[in-house]
Amino acid sequence: MDVNALDALFFHGVDKSPILTVKKGAKIRCVSVDEFQSRWGNNDSAKDYLTIGEIYTLAKDPEIHGWHAKFYLEEVPGKRFNSVQFEIVARGGLVINPVITKTRTTTYRISHVYLDMMVFNENFRRIRADHKYQGFECFSCGKHFQDDEKISVIFTDKGNKTVCHECGAKFKEELGAR
């Protein structure tokens, strides 16, 4: 382990030695687009060019500096990024950091649907602003409500939720079919 890797391990508690030994062609995953990290060492803004979770390919060996390393990517020619914003995924065909993605599914039992119960407006936003569930978008399809749009409410076993007219009509039809 070189001096820079020991420094990273000592000061940051992170073993950065894999970053310092990665070479051109390695697969890396973006894990941060933080602006402060991007600008460290006069790098380009990751949030302008990269997506968290996407995998990129090193266009050349990293440019190692005293406190950071610069990565150049095949997918974004001519731009440089801070190495701390990535994790190594594969080196020479060997997967270094496999990922497990788990999804939790929650079932909501709908008991009532009130179509077009309210109008989404500034007053609604003000009243709901401090609530954990604000209801500014359809709970079912994720559509963001627009000012003066009529919104529907569904009563579920886990609390009331706002839905768009289309989703509310679908649920009302499904409830009537029982």
Protein backbone atom coordinates (compact mmCIF):
# COMPACT_ATOMS: atom_id res chain seq x y z
CA MET A 1 0.00 0.00 0.00
CA ASP A 2 1.45 3.37 -0.97
CA VAL A 3 1.61 6.57 1.11
CA ASN A 4 -1.60 8.04 -0.40
CA ALA A 5 -3.56 4.89 0.38
CA LEU A 6 -2.22 4.84 3.95
CA ASP A 7 -3.15 8.51 4.29
CA ALA A 8 -6.73 7.81 3.10
CA LEU A 9 -7.01 4.86 5.47
CA PHE A 10 -5.62 6.82 8.44
CA PHE A 11 -7.53 10.10 7.96
CA HIS A 12 -10.77 8.81 6.43
CA GLY A 13 -11.00 5.23 7.70
CA VAL A 14 -11.35 4.03 4.12
CA ASP A 15 -8.98 1.74 2.25
CA LYS A 16 -8.56 3.59 -1.05
CA SER A 17 -5.72 1.35 -2.23
CA PRO A 18 -7.95 -0.37 -4.84
CA ILE A 19 -8.63 3.06 -6.39
CA LEU A 20 -4.91 3.71 -6.64
CA THR A 21 -4.22 0.41 -8.40
CA VAL A 22 -7.12 0.45 -10.90
CA LYS A 23 -6.12 0.77 -14.56
CA LYS A 24 -7.54 1.83 -17.91
CA GLY A 25 -10.53 -0.29 -18.94
CA ALA A 26 -11.72 -0.95 -15.37
CA LYS A 27 -15.47 -0.77 -14.75
CA ILE A 28 -16.47 1.68 -12.03
CA ARG A 29 -19.86 2.64 -10.56
CA CYS A 30 -20.81 6.22 -9.70
CA VAL A 31 -21.80 6.40 -6.01
CA SER A 32 -21.93 10.19 -5.51
CA VAL A 33 -22.55 13.35 -7.50
CA ASP A 34 -21.86 15.63 -4.51
CA GLU A 35 -20.76 19.05 -5.73
CA PHE A 36 -18.11 19.54 -3.02
CA GLN A 37 -16.48 16.21 -3.91
CA SER A 38 -16.71 17.06 -7.61
CA ARG A 39 -14.93 20.38 -7.28
CA TRP A 40 -12.13 19.03 -5.08
CA GLY A 41 -8.98 19.13 -7.17
CA ASN A 42 -10.67 21.22 -9.89
CA ASN A 43 -12.62 18.30 -11.36
CA ASP A 44 -15.76 18.53 -13.47
CA SER A 45 -19.21 18.41 -11.88
CA ALA A 46 -20.38 14.80 -11.63
CA LYS A 47 -24.04 15.84 -11.35
CA ASP A 48 -23.84 17.46 -14.79
CA TYR A 49 -22.59 14.30 -16.52
CA LEU A 50 -23.08 11.17 -14.39
CA THR A 51 -25.87 9.11 -12.86
CA ILE A 52 -25.60 7.42 -9.48
CA GLY A 53 -25.59 3.63 -9.91
CA GLU A 54 -24.48 3.73 -13.56
CA ILE A 55 -21.34 1.84 -14.55
CA TYR A 56 -18.59 3.63 -16.48
CA THR A 57 -15.28 2.60 -18.05
CA LEU A 58 -11.92 4.26 -17.29
CA ALA A 59 -10.56 5.81 -20.48
CA LYS A 60 -7.00 5.89 -19.07
CA ASP A 61 -5.13 5.12 -15.87
CA PRO A 62 -6.13 7.40 -12.96
CA GLU A 63 -4.20 10.62 -12.47
CA ILE A 64 -2.94 10.29 -8.89
CA HIS A 65 -2.45 13.43 -6.78
CA GLY A 66 -1.52 13.94 -3.10
CA TRP A 67 -5.08 14.04 -1.74
CA HIS A 68 -7.18 12.70 -4.60
CA ALA A 69 -7.17 10.90 -7.93
CA LYS A 70 -8.81 11.98 -11.18
CA PHE A 71 -10.81 9.54 -13.30
CA TYR A 72 -11.32 10.03 -17.04
CA LEU A 73 -14.25 8.09 -18.50
CA GLU A 74 -14.84 6.68 -21.98
CA GLU A 75 -18.51 7.70 -21.75
CA VAL A 76 -17.70 11.37 -21.01
CA PRO A 77 -14.65 12.31 -23.11
CA GLY A 78 -12.55 15.26 -21.99
CA LYS A 79 -14.04 15.47 -18.48
CA ARG A 80 -12.35 14.51 -15.22
CA PHE A 81 -14.00 13.31 -12.03
CA ASN A 82 -12.93 12.77 -8.42
CA SER A 83 -12.20 9.09 -7.67
CA VAL A 84 -14.04 9.23 -4.31
CA GLN A 85 -17.30 9.42 -6.29
CA PHE A 86 -16.84 5.86 -7.61
CA GLU A 87 -16.42 2.27 -6.53
CA ILE A 88 -14.60 -0.36 -8.56
CA VAL A 89 -16.95 -2.90 -10.12
CA ALA A 90 -14.67 -4.97 -12.37
CA ARG A 91 -10.99 -5.11 -13.11
CA GLY A 92 -9.67 -7.36 -15.87
CA GLY A 93 -13.01 -9.18 -16.15
CA LEU A 94 -13.11 -9.89 -12.41
CA VAL A 95 -16.11 -8.44 -10.55
CA ILE A 96 -14.81 -6.63 -7.48
CA ASN A 97 -17.95 -5.22 -5.85
CA PRO A 98 -21.10 -7.14 -6.77
CA VAL A 99 -24.35 -5.46 -5.76
CA ILE A 100 -27.50 -6.84 -4.15
CA THR A 101 -30.65 -4.80 -4.61
CA LYS A 102 -33.60 -5.66 -2.39
CA THR A 103 -37.06 -4.27 -2.88
CA ARG A 104 -39.68 -4.25 -0.17
CA THR A 105 -43.29 -4.64 -1.24
CA THR A 106 -46.08 -3.22 0.90
CA THR A 107 -49.73 -4.09 0.26
CA TYR A 108 -52.35 -1.40 0.89
CA ARG A 109 -55.96 -2.60 1.21
CA ILE A 110 -58.32 0.05 -0.18
CA SER A 111 -61.71 0.35 1.52
CA HIS A 112 -63.10 3.58 0.01
CA VAL A 113 -62.38 5.89 -2.94
CA TYR A 114 -63.49 9.52 -3.08
CA LEU A 115 -63.08 10.81 -6.64
CA ASP A 116 -62.16 14.47 -7.12
CA MET A 117 -62.48 15.13 -3.40
CA MET A 118 -60.12 18.14 -3.31
CA VAL A 119 -58.33 20.65 -5.49
CA PHE A 120 -54.54 20.73 -5.39
CA ASN A 121 -53.39 24.29 -4.76
CA GLU A 122 -51.16 26.48 -2.61
CA ASN A 123 -53.47 26.09 0.38
CA PHE A 124 -53.24 22.27 0.15
CA ARG A 125 -49.42 22.46 -0.07
CA ARG A 126 -49.26 24.80 2.95
CA ILE A 127 -51.49 22.57 5.09
CA ARG A 128 -49.65 19.35 4.16
CA ALA A 129 -46.08 20.76 4.14
CA ASP A 130 -45.16 19.51 7.63
CA HIS A 131 -46.75 16.06 7.34
CA LYS A 132 -44.64 12.95 6.82
CA TYR A 133 -46.89 11.96 3.90
CA GLN A 134 -47.53 15.19 2.01
CA GLY A 135 -49.66 13.83 -0.84
CA PHE A 136 -48.23 16.12 -3.52
CA GLU A 137 -48.24 13.30 -6.07
CA CYS A 138 -50.39 10.30 -6.92
CA PHE A 139 -49.61 7.55 -4.41
CA SER A 140 -50.23 4.93 -7.10
CA CYS A 141 -48.59 6.16 -10.32
CA GLY A 142 -46.33 8.91 -8.96
CA LYS A 143 -47.75 11.69 -11.17
CA HIS A 144 -47.06 15.11 -9.59
CA PHE A 145 -50.21 17.14 -9.12
CA GLN A 146 -50.56 20.50 -10.89
CA ASP A 147 -52.24 23.60 -9.47
CA ASP A 148 -56.06 23.51 -9.72
CA GLU A 149 -56.06 19.77 -10.49
CA LYS A 150 -58.79 17.75 -8.78
CA ILE A 151 -57.31 14.99 -6.65
CA SER A 152 -58.93 11.88 -5.26
CA VAL A 153 -58.45 10.22 -1.88
CA ILE A 154 -58.28 6.52 -1.11
CA PHE A 155 -58.83 5.12 2.37
CA THR A 156 -56.43 2.24 3.08
CA ASP A 157 -55.58 0.04 6.03
CA LYS A 158 -52.36 2.08 6.34
CA GLY A 159 -53.88 5.56 6.16
CA ASN A 160 -55.46 7.82 3.56
CA LYS A 161 -53.54 8.55 0.36
CA THR A 162 -53.98 11.01 -2.49
CA VAL A 163 -54.31 9.67 -6.03
CA CYS A 164 -54.91 11.20 -9.45
CA HIS A 165 -58.37 11.00 -11.01
CA GLU A 166 -57.36 8.16 -13.36
CA CYS A 167 -55.99 5.93 -10.57
CA GLY A 168 -58.93 6.81 -8.31
CA ALA A 169 -61.41 5.82 -11.05
CA LYS A 170 -59.57 2.53 -11.58
CA PHE A 171 -59.65 1.71 -7.87
CA LYS A 172 -63.32 2.70 -7.57
CA GLU A 173 -64.15 0.37 -10.48
CA GLU A 174 -62.16 -2.47 -8.89
CA LEU A 175 -63.93 -1.94 -5.55
CA GLY A 176 -67.34 -1.99 -7.30
CA ALA A 177 -66.50 -5.28 -9.01
CA ARG A 178 -66.33 -7.12 -5.67
